[in-house]
Amino acid sequence: MPPTRPGHGYPQQAPGQPGPYNQPPGPYGQQPGPYSGYSTQPQYAGGPTPPGGGSGFFKGRPGVIIGAAVAGLLVLGGGTWFALSGDGKDDKAGVSESSEHPKPSGSASVDQGTSDGTPGGQDPNARRRPGEAKVLFISKNDVDVPGNGAEIFGPWVEGDTLVKAMYREVAGYSVTDGKKKWSLKLGTPVCLAAPQASADGKIVIGVKSGTTEKSDCSDLQMIDTKTGKAGWKKPIPKPKQLIGFSDFVLAVSGNTLTMAGLDNSYGFSLSDGKQLFGKPSSRCLPYGFAGGIRLIAAASCPTSDAENFKGEIQEVDPATGKPKWTYALPANWQVDKVYSVSPVVVSIKLDADGSDETTKRRVIALTDSGRLRSQLQVDKDKFQPRCSSSAVIAFRGDIQGWCTGVAADASTLYLATEPTGTNEVVAFSLDTGKPKWRSTAGLDRTMMPVTVENGSVVVYIAPTFSLGGAIATVAPAGGAPKAVLKHPLSTAEIEAGFLEPRTVYAGGRFFLTATSVNGLDDAKERETTTLMAFGK
């Protein structure tokens, strides 16, 4: 990796941040509805309103500047970061300023919330019409966050439990009614998380060394989502370079937790936290991992010319860290995002000076043995799925994270086009790279792929003024989307208030999760809706 180019640790806009899932300005947030007590993610004080009323799948919804306000950071030209002073709320009761390492504590049997999962006794299904899906629960924030807000990590849906982490708590909620099943209190704030859970339901988060602004991301903490109990905890290895752990991202594959950033990479056993491997001895060094069924690495290889480098895609053995195969990229091309690890589908980009919007990109599919399968013909439309481990900032090594707006199966990649009043989901053949079909949700409706089930792509259709959102499927041969869950119109205002949320469809249920909570106002932060679920 050439030292003269902005690399890992240099603030970069992730593809799709803002994303393509734009929609014409809507009425949400302008007039109080029947559930006006549910506050949506507010715009941070002093933050500019994005041109056009916002961006992303919910363009036109109440604006939010997630970035620096959440993390207490302000990005300036040249990649310099400065801590914001906040509003003095960091001194409020319940927020410790200790820089020690308190041990996590929690209960595996916390039962909170009403039967419908909504505070205040409001029944979100009272005005549900025939044929509409049931609102399983709507959850407000119950965590007191500091003045500069807090990022939400997750969700992880493991069996009958949905898990999210925010500030100094990791909590598990029933997927059927939203009741809190367990709560693990942390001594210090969460700062990173691996987006995957292991096969037996273990997740790993990064936690800070203290609660002050100067605290860094210093420790790894394993948590068993089945019990809500904290497992092993260990310090982050300190690299020789003058970089902090925030320059790393986490991923899980098999029984291995990986960390990567700049020219440092590690693998740890999920069972006991023991280090399995470290920085490889080869000249090509991983700077990012994508986890799941396979472990895919993005690596950078130096050349004789300091201004140029060679990029590689690798499949790595999770137990040893050694490559199973490598795929060489053209000079100065690097991995941008990994859309799928099985099959392997990767977005690559030319590492050149210039804005993110003008950067040259390609999407390639590889075979199971690491050979080129196809280059997708994506240049005729605008596609920008949102894939990131953090709602705050994406580093160069953040090549996967939680993805919205993209899905894949063995033969097809599904992407959503940038809306112009409406949009399309396009299916691409991974064998030929050519579009197979296009599907639209209809006039003035936008949709994005969520996952693939039984050969059909599952899409989320955004709500409008006159219609609630919906979960639908598009058949393998294409055609119009067929509704599976029609979300109630009566709660469309709440649903639309989630600004570029993370989405999960599992077990016939659809979950929306917020990515941050604004801490500038105690009353409003407690009214912020962080979770919403639909089902039959």
Protein backbone atom coordinates (compact mmCIF):
# COMPACT_ATOMS: atom_id res chain seq x y z
CA MET A 1 0.00 0.00 0.00
CA PRO A 2 1.66 3.27 -1.03
CA PRO A 3 2.32 5.59 1.89
CA THR A 4 1.52 8.65 -0.19
CA ARG A 5 -2.11 7.66 -0.74
CA PRO A 6 -4.90 8.03 1.81
CA GLY A 7 -5.24 4.59 3.31
CA HIS A 8 -6.80 2.88 6.24
CA GLY A 9 -7.58 5.46 8.89
CA TYR A 10 -8.18 8.15 6.31
CA PRO A 11 -11.85 9.19 6.38
CA GLN A 12 -13.55 8.05 3.22
CA GLN A 13 -17.15 8.12 2.15
CA ALA A 14 -18.44 4.59 1.83
CA PRO A 15 -20.25 3.60 -1.34
CA GLY A 16 -23.87 4.29 -0.68
CA GLN A 17 -23.33 6.75 2.16
CA PRO A 18 -25.43 8.48 1.06
CA GLY A 19 -27.07 5.53 -0.65
CA PRO A 20 -29.23 5.34 -3.74
CA TYR A 21 -32.51 4.57 -2.11
CA ASN A 22 -33.88 8.05 -2.55
CA GLN A 23 -37.51 8.99 -2.55
CA PRO A 24 -39.41 12.22 -3.25
CA PRO A 25 -39.87 14.51 -0.25
CA GLY A 26 -42.68 13.15 1.90
CA PRO A 27 -44.89 14.43 4.69
CA TYR A 28 -43.44 12.43 7.54
CA GLY A 29 -42.42 14.43 10.55
CA GLN A 30 -44.37 17.50 9.41
CA GLN A 31 -47.70 16.74 11.04
CA PRO A 32 -48.29 14.78 14.23
CA GLY A 33 -49.99 11.48 13.62
CA PRO A 34 -51.80 9.14 15.97
CA TYR A 35 -48.44 7.98 17.31
CA SER A 36 -46.78 11.35 17.62
CA GLY A 37 -45.24 10.19 20.89
CA TYR A 38 -42.80 8.12 18.88
CA SER A 39 -39.88 10.34 18.03
CA THR A 40 -37.83 9.48 14.96
CA GLN A 41 -34.12 10.01 14.61
CA PRO A 42 -33.73 13.78 14.91
CA GLN A 43 -31.29 15.93 13.00
CA TYR A 44 -28.37 16.95 15.13
CA ALA A 45 -28.26 20.54 16.23
CA GLY A 46 -26.06 22.61 13.99
CA GLY A 47 -25.94 19.97 11.29
CA PRO A 48 -26.72 21.02 7.72
CA THR A 49 -29.68 19.54 5.89
CA PRO A 50 -28.56 17.40 2.98
CA PRO A 51 -29.45 18.84 -0.42
CA GLY A 52 -32.78 17.64 -1.70
CA GLY A 53 -34.13 16.99 1.78
CA GLY A 54 -31.89 14.06 2.62
CA SER A 55 -30.52 11.00 0.93
CA GLY A 56 -30.79 7.27 0.86
CA PHE A 57 -33.74 4.90 0.57
CA PHE A 58 -35.82 7.27 2.71
CA LYS A 59 -34.89 10.52 0.99
CA GLY A 60 -37.32 13.23 1.97
CA ARG A 61 -37.78 11.84 5.47
CA PRO A 62 -36.67 13.87 8.52
CA GLY A 63 -33.00 14.68 7.99
CA VAL A 64 -30.18 13.37 10.10
CA ILE A 65 -26.48 13.96 10.02
CA ILE A 66 -25.27 10.72 11.53
CA GLY A 67 -21.50 11.05 11.09
CA ALA A 68 -19.60 13.30 13.42
CA ALA A 69 -22.41 14.17 15.80
CA VAL A 70 -22.80 10.57 16.93
CA ALA A 71 -19.16 9.88 17.53
CA GLY A 72 -18.30 13.29 18.94
CA LEU A 73 -15.99 13.82 15.99
CA LEU A 74 -15.79 16.39 13.25
CA VAL A 75 -14.09 15.56 10.00
CA LEU A 76 -12.18 18.31 8.26
CA GLY A 77 -10.25 18.40 5.01
CA GLY A 78 -7.12 16.29 4.90
CA GLY A 79 -8.48 13.55 7.15
CA THR A 80 -8.00 15.39 10.45
CA TRP A 81 -10.37 14.53 13.28
CA PHE A 82 -11.25 16.72 16.24
CA ALA A 83 -13.36 15.86 19.27
CA LEU A 84 -16.44 18.01 19.83
CA SER A 85 -16.98 19.49 23.24
CA GLY A 86 -20.57 18.24 23.56
CA ASP A 87 -23.26 20.02 25.54
CA GLY A 88 -22.19 19.30 29.06
CA LYS A 89 -24.50 16.28 29.34
CA ASP A 90 -21.52 14.04 29.89
CA ASP A 91 -21.65 15.13 33.53
CA LYS A 92 -25.24 14.02 34.07
CA ALA A 93 -26.07 11.38 36.61
CA GLY A 94 -25.62 7.82 35.52
CA VAL A 95 -22.76 8.50 33.11
CA SER A 96 -19.48 7.71 34.85
CA GLU A 97 -16.31 9.57 33.96
CA SER A 98 -14.09 6.83 35.32
CA SER A 99 -11.29 5.62 33.08
CA GLU A 100 -11.16 2.26 34.81
CA HIS A 101 -12.32 -1.05 33.33
CA PRO A 102 -15.50 -2.01 35.21
CA LYS A 103 -16.61 -5.55 34.57
CA PRO A 104 -19.82 -6.11 32.61
CA SER A 105 -22.83 -7.17 34.61
CA GLY A 106 -26.28 -8.21 33.58
CA SER A 107 -29.29 -10.40 33.96
CA ALA A 108 -30.32 -13.25 31.74
CA SER A 109 -34.00 -12.85 32.63
CA VAL A 110 -35.04 -9.24 32.24
CA ASP A 111 -38.71 -8.90 31.30
CA GLN A 112 -39.66 -5.38 30.28
CA GLY A 113 -42.25 -3.74 28.06
CA THR A 114 -45.93 -4.29 27.38
CA SER A 115 -47.40 -7.23 25.51
CA ASP A 116 -47.17 -5.37 22.22
CA GLY A 117 -43.69 -4.10 22.96
CA THR A 118 -44.75 -0.45 22.89
CA PRO A 119 -44.40 2.06 25.72
CA GLY A 120 -47.28 4.12 27.00
CA GLY A 121 -49.96 1.52 26.33
CA GLN A 122 -50.54 2.60 22.71
CA ASP A 123 -51.62 -0.33 20.57
CA PRO A 124 -50.04 0.05 17.13
CA ASN A 125 -52.51 -2.48 15.74
CA ALA A 126 -55.67 -0.70 16.89
CA ARG A 127 -56.19 0.89 13.46
CA ARG A 128 -54.86 -2.04 11.42
CA ARG A 129 -56.97 -2.75 8.35
CA PRO A 130 -57.88 -6.16 6.92
CA GLY A 131 -54.98 -7.71 5.02
CA GLU A 132 -52.34 -5.62 6.79
CA ALA A 133 -49.52 -7.23 8.71
CA LYS A 134 -49.25 -7.02 12.46
CA VAL A 135 -46.88 -4.61 14.15
CA LEU A 136 -45.09 -6.98 16.49
CA PHE A 137 -43.50 -4.21 18.53
CA ILE A 138 -42.16 -0.69 18.51
CA SER A 139 -39.36 0.01 20.97
CA LYS A 140 -38.17 3.36 22.22
CA ASN A 141 -34.68 4.06 23.47
CA ASP A 142 -34.24 3.28 27.18
CA VAL A 143 -30.51 3.97 27.43
CA ASP A 144 -29.25 7.27 28.80
CA VAL A 145 -26.60 8.37 26.29
CA PRO A 146 -24.05 11.21 26.52
CA GLY A 147 -24.56 14.58 24.89
CA ASN A 148 -22.80 13.66 21.67
CA GLY A 149 -25.13 10.70 21.18
CA ALA A 150 -24.43 7.02 20.69
CA GLU A 151 -24.18 4.64 17.79
CA ILE A 152 -26.28 1.47 17.64
CA PHE A 153 -24.51 -1.74 16.63
CA GLY A 154 -26.43 -4.68 15.26
CA PRO A 155 -28.92 -6.13 14.90
CA TRP A 156 -28.10 -9.78 15.30
CA VAL A 157 -31.14 -12.06 15.02
CA GLU A 158 -30.30 -15.33 16.72
CA GLY A 159 -33.20 -17.76 17.01
CA ASP A 160 -35.96 -16.08 18.99
CA THR A 161 -33.78 -13.17 20.08
CA LEU A 162 -32.85 -9.88 18.43
CA VAL A 163 -29.70 -8.33 19.87
CA LYS A 164 -28.43 -4.77 19.66
CA ALA A 165 -25.58 -2.94 21.37
CA MET A 166 -25.51 0.74 22.24
CA TYR A 167 -23.36 2.85 24.54
CA ARG A 168 -22.89 0.73 27.69
CA GLU A 169 -25.50 -1.95 27.14
CA VAL A 170 -25.99 -5.04 25.01
CA ALA A 171 -29.59 -6.25 25.11
CA GLY A 172 -31.61 -9.15 23.76
CA TYR A 173 -35.26 -8.74 22.76
CA SER A 174 -37.95 -11.27 21.95
CA VAL A 175 -38.56 -11.33 18.20
CA THR A 176 -42.28 -11.89 18.78
CA ASP A 177 -43.19 -9.06 21.16
CA GLY A 178 -40.07 -6.93 21.71
CA LYS A 179 -39.82 -7.65 25.41
CA LYS A 180 -36.30 -7.37 26.75
CA LYS A 181 -35.13 -10.90 27.54
CA TRP A 182 -31.75 -9.96 28.94
CA SER A 183 -29.54 -6.94 29.45
CA LEU A 184 -25.77 -6.92 29.79
CA LYS A 185 -24.50 -3.71 31.35
CA LEU A 186 -21.01 -2.69 30.28
CA GLY A 187 -18.55 -0.66 32.26
CA THR A 188 -17.47 1.35 29.20
CA PRO A 189 -19.05 2.21 25.83
CA VAL A 190 -19.22 -0.04 22.80
CA CYS A 191 -16.99 1.21 19.99
CA LEU A 192 -16.99 -1.57 17.35
CA ALA A 193 -18.71 -4.84 16.56
CA ALA A 194 -18.43 -7.76 14.18
CA PRO A 195 -21.62 -7.90 12.10
CA GLN A 196 -21.73 -11.71 12.13
CA ALA A 197 -22.51 -14.09 14.97
CA SER A 198 -20.99 -17.54 15.23
CA ALA A 199 -23.03 -20.66 14.53
CA ASP A 200 -23.66 -21.06 18.26
CA GLY A 201 -24.74 -17.44 18.76
CA LYS A 202 -21.59 -15.73 20.00
CA ILE A 203 -20.80 -12.12 19.05
CA VAL A 204 -17.79 -9.91 19.71
CA ILE A 205 -17.75 -6.19 20.35
CA GLY A 206 -15.01 -3.66 20.98
CA VAL A 207 -15.25 -1.61 24.19
CA LYS A 208 -13.47 1.54 25.24
CA SER A 209 -10.87 1.93 27.97
CA GLY A 210 -13.05 4.47 29.80
CA THR A 211 -15.93 6.88 29.38
CA THR A 212 -14.05 10.09 28.70
CA GLU A 213 -13.55 11.64 25.29
CA LYS A 214 -9.89 10.57 25.38
CA SER A 215 -10.75 6.89 25.89
CA ASP A 216 -9.82 4.62 23.02
CA CYS A 217 -11.20 1.33 21.76
CA SER A 218 -9.05 -0.98 23.84
CA ASP A 219 -10.64 -4.38 24.50
CA LEU A 220 -12.51 -7.20 22.80
CA GLN A 221 -15.54 -8.64 24.60
CA MET A 222 -17.29 -11.88 23.62
CA ILE A 223 -20.99 -12.23 24.44
CA ASP A 224 -23.23 -15.29 24.25
CA THR A 225 -26.51 -14.09 22.72
CA LYS A 226 -28.36 -17.20 23.94
CA THR A 227 -27.77 -16.36 27.59
CA GLY A 228 -26.84 -12.69 27.60
CA LYS A 229 -23.68 -13.55 29.51
CA ALA A 230 -20.27 -11.98 28.95
CA GLY A 231 -17.52 -14.42 28.00
CA TRP A 232 -13.83 -13.81 27.50
CA LYS A 233 -12.37 -10.32 27.35
CA LYS A 234 -8.90 -9.40 26.16
CA PRO A 235 -6.89 -6.29 25.29
CA ILE A 236 -6.45 -5.28 21.69
CA PRO A 237 -2.92 -5.95 20.42
CA LYS A 238 -1.08 -2.65 20.15
CA PRO A 239 0.49 -2.16 16.73
CA LYS A 240 3.85 -0.48 16.43
CA GLN A 241 2.45 2.23 14.19
CA LEU A 242 0.86 5.30 15.73
CA ILE A 243 -2.71 4.26 15.07
CA GLY A 244 -5.55 3.37 17.39
CA PHE A 245 -7.86 0.37 17.41
CA SER A 246 -10.59 2.48 15.79
CA ASP A 247 -8.62 1.91 12.60
CA PHE A 248 -9.58 -1.76 12.72
CA VAL A 249 -12.75 -3.58 11.77
CA LEU A 250 -14.02 -6.94 13.00
CA ALA A 251 -15.48 -9.96 11.20
CA VAL A 252 -16.46 -13.50 12.22
CA SER A 253 -16.06 -16.67 10.15
CA GLY A 254 -16.38 -20.15 11.60
CA ASN A 255 -14.91 -20.13 15.09
CA THR A 256 -12.61 -17.21 14.32
CA LEU A 257 -12.82 -13.49 15.02
CA THR A 258 -10.66 -11.43 12.68
CA MET A 259 -9.30 -7.92 12.98
CA ALA A 260 -7.61 -5.99 10.20
CA GLY A 261 -6.40 -2.50 9.51
CA LEU A 262 -3.54 -0.81 7.70
CA ASP A 263 -0.87 -3.56 7.64
CA ASN A 264 -1.92 -5.35 10.82
CA SER A 265 -4.25 -8.34 10.97
CA TYR A 266 -5.14 -10.88 13.63
CA GLY A 267 -7.30 -13.93 14.19
CA PHE A 268 -8.69 -15.03 17.56
CA SER A 269 -10.56 -18.12 18.70
CA LEU A 270 -14.18 -17.38 19.53
CA SER A 271 -14.08 -20.14 22.12
CA ASP A 272 -11.43 -18.67 24.41
CA GLY A 273 -10.03 -15.51 22.76
CA LYS A 274 -6.60 -17.01 22.09
CA GLN A 275 -4.73 -15.56 19.14
CA LEU A 276 -4.72 -17.93 16.18
CA PHE A 277 -2.67 -15.89 13.75
CA GLY A 278 -1.16 -12.47 13.26
CA LYS A 279 0.38 -10.38 10.53
CA PRO A 280 1.39 -12.70 7.67
CA SER A 281 5.00 -12.99 6.57
CA SER A 282 4.09 -12.51 2.91
CA ARG A 283 4.48 -9.15 1.15
CA CYS A 284 0.73 -8.90 0.54
CA LEU A 285 -0.94 -7.73 3.75
CA PRO A 286 -4.68 -7.92 4.50
CA TYR A 287 -6.28 -4.61 5.45
CA GLY A 288 -9.88 -5.83 5.63
CA PHE A 289 -11.85 -9.03 6.19
CA ALA A 290 -15.39 -10.03 5.18
CA GLY A 291 -16.86 -12.82 7.28
CA GLY A 292 -19.58 -15.41 7.03
CA ILE A 293 -19.52 -18.85 5.41
CA ARG A 294 -16.19 -17.89 3.83
CA LEU A 295 -13.49 -15.53 5.07
CA ILE A 296 -12.55 -13.12 2.30
CA ALA A 297 -9.65 -10.69 2.69
CA ALA A 298 -8.70 -7.51 0.88
CA ALA A 299 -4.91 -7.29 0.65
CA SER A 300 -2.40 -4.75 -0.62
CA CYS A 301 0.91 -5.70 -2.21
CA PRO A 302 3.79 -3.21 -2.58
CA THR A 303 5.59 -2.72 -5.89
CA SER A 304 8.94 -1.25 -6.88
CA ASP A 305 7.14 2.03 -7.52
CA ALA A 306 6.13 3.68 -4.23
CA GLU A 307 3.30 5.48 -6.01
CA ASN A 308 1.65 2.27 -7.11
CA PHE A 309 0.50 -0.96 -5.50
CA LYS A 310 -1.19 -4.21 -6.41
CA GLY A 311 -4.42 -5.25 -4.77
CA GLU A 312 -5.52 -8.81 -4.06
CA ILE A 313 -8.66 -10.64 -3.10
CA GLN A 314 -7.99 -13.69 -0.96
CA GLU A 315 -9.99 -16.50 0.53
CA VAL A 316 -8.39 -17.13 3.91
CA ASP A 317 -8.46 -20.19 6.13
CA PRO A 318 -10.08 -18.91 9.37
CA ALA A 319 -8.06 -21.34 11.48
CA THR A 320 -4.61 -20.37 10.19
CA GLY A 321 -4.95 -17.04 8.39
CA LYS A 322 -3.28 -18.51 5.31
CA PRO A 323 -4.74 -17.82 1.85
CA LYS A 324 -6.53 -20.68 0.11
CA TRP A 325 -6.39 -18.74 -3.16
CA THR A 326 -5.62 -15.24 -4.37
CA TYR A 327 -7.02 -13.11 -7.17
CA ALA A 328 -4.81 -10.28 -8.41
CA LEU A 329 -6.45 -6.95 -9.22
CA PRO A 330 -5.18 -4.51 -11.86
CA ALA A 331 -2.58 -1.99 -10.71
CA ASN A 332 -3.95 0.55 -8.22
CA TRP A 333 -7.35 -1.14 -8.00
CA GLN A 334 -8.50 -2.15 -4.55
CA VAL A 335 -11.42 -3.88 -2.86
CA ASP A 336 -14.22 -1.46 -2.11
CA LYS A 337 -16.97 -3.68 -0.67
CA VAL A 338 -17.65 -7.40 -0.49
CA TYR A 339 -21.30 -7.85 -1.40
CA SER A 340 -21.27 -11.61 -0.87
CA VAL A 341 -18.75 -14.17 0.39
CA SER A 342 -20.66 -17.18 -1.01
CA PRO A 343 -20.75 -16.70 -3.95
CA VAL A 344 -17.86 -14.24 -3.96
CA VAL A 345 -19.06 -10.91 -5.35
CA VAL A 346 -16.85 -7.86 -4.84
CA SER A 347 -17.00 -4.19 -5.72
CA ILE A 348 -13.56 -2.84 -6.63
CA LYS A 349 -12.44 0.70 -7.28
CA LEU A 350 -9.49 2.56 -8.75
CA ASP A 351 -7.46 4.15 -5.99
CA ALA A 352 -7.05 7.63 -7.44
CA ASP A 353 -7.39 11.17 -6.21
CA GLY A 354 -10.81 12.68 -6.74
CA SER A 355 -14.29 12.60 -5.28
CA ASP A 356 -15.99 9.37 -4.35
CA GLU A 357 -18.69 10.09 -6.93
CA THR A 358 -16.20 10.14 -9.81
CA THR A 359 -14.20 7.11 -8.68
CA LYS A 360 -14.13 4.31 -11.24
CA ARG A 361 -15.77 1.11 -9.96
CA ARG A 362 -16.42 -2.41 -11.14
CA VAL A 363 -18.35 -5.33 -9.69
CA ILE A 364 -16.80 -8.75 -10.25
CA ALA A 365 -17.89 -12.29 -9.41
CA LEU A 366 -15.31 -14.99 -8.67
CA THR A 367 -15.57 -18.75 -8.71
CA ASP A 368 -15.12 -20.88 -5.60
CA SER A 369 -11.49 -21.36 -6.63
CA GLY A 370 -10.79 -17.65 -7.04
CA ARG A 371 -11.00 -17.29 -10.81
CA LEU A 372 -12.89 -14.53 -12.59
CA ARG A 373 -16.46 -15.65 -13.18
CA SER A 374 -17.82 -12.43 -14.68
CA GLN A 375 -17.68 -8.66 -14.60
CA LEU A 376 -21.17 -7.32 -14.03
CA GLN A 377 -22.60 -4.78 -16.46
CA VAL A 378 -23.54 -2.19 -13.85
CA ASP A 379 -22.37 0.91 -15.71
CA LYS A 380 -25.76 1.74 -17.24
CA ASP A 381 -27.39 2.52 -13.88
CA LYS A 382 -26.45 4.03 -10.54
CA PHE A 383 -26.09 1.43 -7.80
CA GLN A 384 -24.75 2.28 -4.34
CA PRO A 385 -25.58 -0.29 -1.68
CA ARG A 386 -24.79 0.77 1.87
CA CYS A 387 -22.29 -1.56 3.52
CA SER A 388 -20.52 -0.47 6.69
CA SER A 389 -19.64 -1.66 10.18
CA SER A 390 -20.29 1.82 11.52
CA ALA A 391 -22.91 4.50 10.96
CA VAL A 392 -20.26 7.08 11.85
CA ILE A 393 -17.47 6.63 9.36
CA ALA A 394 -16.18 4.01 6.97
CA PHE A 395 -12.48 3.24 6.89
CA ARG A 396 -10.67 1.71 3.96
CA GLY A 397 -10.65 -1.69 5.60
CA ASP A 398 -14.40 -1.63 6.29
CA ILE A 399 -15.21 -3.83 3.31
CA GLN A 400 -18.39 -5.51 4.55
CA GLY A 401 -20.26 -4.59 7.73
CA TRP A 402 -24.05 -4.56 7.67
CA CYS A 403 -25.28 -4.26 4.08
CA THR A 404 -28.58 -2.87 2.83
CA GLY A 405 -29.71 -2.68 -0.77
CA VAL A 406 -27.91 -5.77 -2.03
CA ALA A 407 -28.55 -9.52 -1.96
CA ALA A 408 -27.14 -12.57 -3.73
CA ASP A 409 -27.72 -16.26 -4.27
CA ALA A 410 -25.65 -18.88 -6.10
CA SER A 411 -26.42 -17.51 -9.56
CA THR A 412 -27.66 -13.94 -9.18
CA LEU A 413 -26.79 -10.57 -7.65
CA TYR A 414 -29.66 -8.21 -6.87
CA LEU A 415 -29.14 -4.43 -6.72
CA ALA A 416 -31.50 -1.46 -6.47
CA THR A 417 -31.20 1.49 -8.82
CA GLU A 418 -31.12 5.09 -7.73
CA PRO A 419 -34.72 6.30 -7.54
CA THR A 420 -36.14 9.03 -9.74
CA GLY A 421 -39.60 9.03 -8.25
CA THR A 422 -39.48 5.24 -8.37
CA ASN A 423 -36.72 2.70 -8.87
CA GLU A 424 -35.98 -0.85 -9.94
CA VAL A 425 -34.38 -3.95 -8.53
CA VAL A 426 -32.10 -5.43 -11.17
CA ALA A 427 -31.03 -9.09 -11.20
CA PHE A 428 -27.59 -9.80 -12.69
CA SER A 429 -26.39 -13.20 -13.83
CA LEU A 430 -23.15 -14.08 -12.06
CA ASP A 431 -22.19 -16.33 -14.97
CA THR A 432 -22.52 -13.73 -17.76
CA GLY A 433 -22.57 -10.44 -15.86
CA LYS A 434 -25.63 -9.38 -17.84
CA PRO A 435 -28.96 -8.18 -16.40
CA LYS A 436 -31.54 -10.96 -16.28
CA TRP A 437 -34.58 -8.86 -15.42
CA ARG A 438 -35.80 -5.64 -13.82
CA SER A 439 -38.68 -5.22 -11.40
CA THR A 440 -40.41 -2.11 -10.09
CA ALA A 441 -42.80 -1.59 -7.19
CA GLY A 442 -44.91 0.85 -9.19
CA LEU A 443 -45.36 4.59 -9.50
CA ASP A 444 -43.80 6.66 -6.73
CA ARG A 445 -42.66 3.58 -4.80
CA THR A 446 -39.10 2.50 -4.11
CA MET A 447 -37.75 -0.85 -3.05
CA MET A 448 -34.50 -2.55 -2.20
CA PRO A 449 -33.38 -6.19 -1.90
CA VAL A 450 -33.03 -7.57 1.61
CA THR A 451 -32.25 -11.28 1.23
CA VAL A 452 -33.01 -14.34 -0.89
CA GLU A 453 -35.35 -17.13 0.21
CA ASN A 454 -36.34 -20.22 -1.76
CA GLY A 455 -34.94 -18.78 -4.98
CA SER A 456 -36.91 -15.52 -4.75
CA VAL A 457 -35.41 -12.20 -3.77
CA VAL A 458 -37.09 -10.58 -0.76
CA VAL A 459 -37.50 -6.81 -1.15
CA TYR A 460 -38.48 -4.01 1.20
CA ILE A 461 -40.88 -1.47 -0.30
CA ALA A 462 -40.72 1.92 1.42
CA PRO A 463 -43.84 3.54 2.86
CA THR A 464 -45.57 6.51 1.23
CA PHE A 465 -48.13 9.05 2.38
CA SER A 466 -50.99 6.74 1.40
CA LEU A 467 -49.44 3.30 1.88
CA GLY A 468 -47.45 1.57 4.56
CA GLY A 469 -44.24 -0.20 3.69
CA ALA A 470 -44.20 -3.82 2.61
CA ILE A 471 -42.12 -6.95 2.35
CA ALA A 472 -42.50 -8.65 -1.02
CA THR A 473 -40.83 -11.29 -3.14
CA VAL A 474 -39.84 -11.27 -6.80
CA ALA A 475 -39.85 -14.66 -8.53
CA PRO A 476 -36.60 -16.12 -9.95
CA ALA A 477 -37.81 -15.25 -13.46
CA GLY A 478 -38.69 -11.68 -12.49
CA GLY A 479 -42.03 -9.93 -12.68
CA ALA A 480 -43.91 -7.69 -10.29
CA PRO A 481 -43.19 -8.00 -6.55
CA LYS A 482 -45.72 -10.09 -4.62
CA ALA A 483 -46.52 -8.77 -1.15
CA VAL A 484 -45.76 -11.02 1.81
CA LEU A 485 -46.30 -8.45 4.57
CA LYS A 486 -48.32 -5.28 3.99
CA HIS A 487 -47.35 -2.91 6.78
CA PRO A 488 -50.17 -0.86 8.34
CA LEU A 489 -50.81 2.61 7.00
CA SER A 490 -51.58 3.77 10.54
CA THR A 491 -47.93 3.32 11.54
CA ALA A 492 -46.35 4.47 8.26
CA GLU A 493 -45.18 7.71 9.85
CA ILE A 494 -43.20 5.82 12.47
CA GLU A 495 -41.86 3.39 9.89
CA ALA A 496 -40.72 6.21 7.62
CA GLY A 497 -38.95 7.89 10.52
CA PHE A 498 -36.15 5.33 10.42
CA LEU A 499 -33.43 7.09 8.46
CA GLU A 500 -31.34 4.67 6.40
CA PRO A 501 -32.06 1.90 8.90
CA ARG A 502 -30.58 -1.54 9.03
CA THR A 503 -33.05 -4.18 7.91
CA VAL A 504 -33.42 -7.88 8.63
CA TYR A 505 -35.99 -10.38 7.36
CA ALA A 506 -35.89 -13.66 9.26
CA GLY A 507 -38.46 -16.26 10.23
CA GLY A 508 -41.24 -14.43 8.40
CA ARG A 509 -40.63 -11.27 10.42
CA PHE A 510 -39.20 -7.94 9.28
CA PHE A 511 -37.10 -5.77 11.58
CA LEU A 512 -36.06 -2.13 11.27
CA THR A 513 -33.31 -0.81 13.54
CA ALA A 514 -32.02 2.71 13.95
CA THR A 515 -28.29 3.32 13.69
CA SER A 516 -27.91 6.07 16.30
CA VAL A 517 -29.55 8.03 19.11
CA ASN A 518 -29.09 11.77 19.51
CA GLY A 519 -28.14 12.69 23.08
CA LEU A 520 -28.61 16.45 22.94
CA ASP A 521 -31.98 16.35 24.69
CA ASP A 522 -32.78 13.90 27.49
CA ALA A 523 -36.52 13.92 26.83
CA LYS A 524 -36.18 13.42 23.09
CA GLU A 525 -33.57 10.69 23.35
CA ARG A 526 -35.98 8.64 25.47
CA GLU A 527 -38.68 9.09 22.82
CA THR A 528 -36.51 7.93 19.93
CA THR A 529 -37.80 4.79 18.24
CA THR A 530 -34.92 2.34 17.83
CA LEU A 531 -36.66 -0.92 16.85
CA MET A 532 -39.78 -1.83 14.88
CA ALA A 533 -40.96 -5.25 13.76
CA PHE A 534 -43.71 -6.62 11.53
CA GLY A 535 -45.13 -10.11 11.14
CA LYS A 536 -48.30 -12.12 10.66
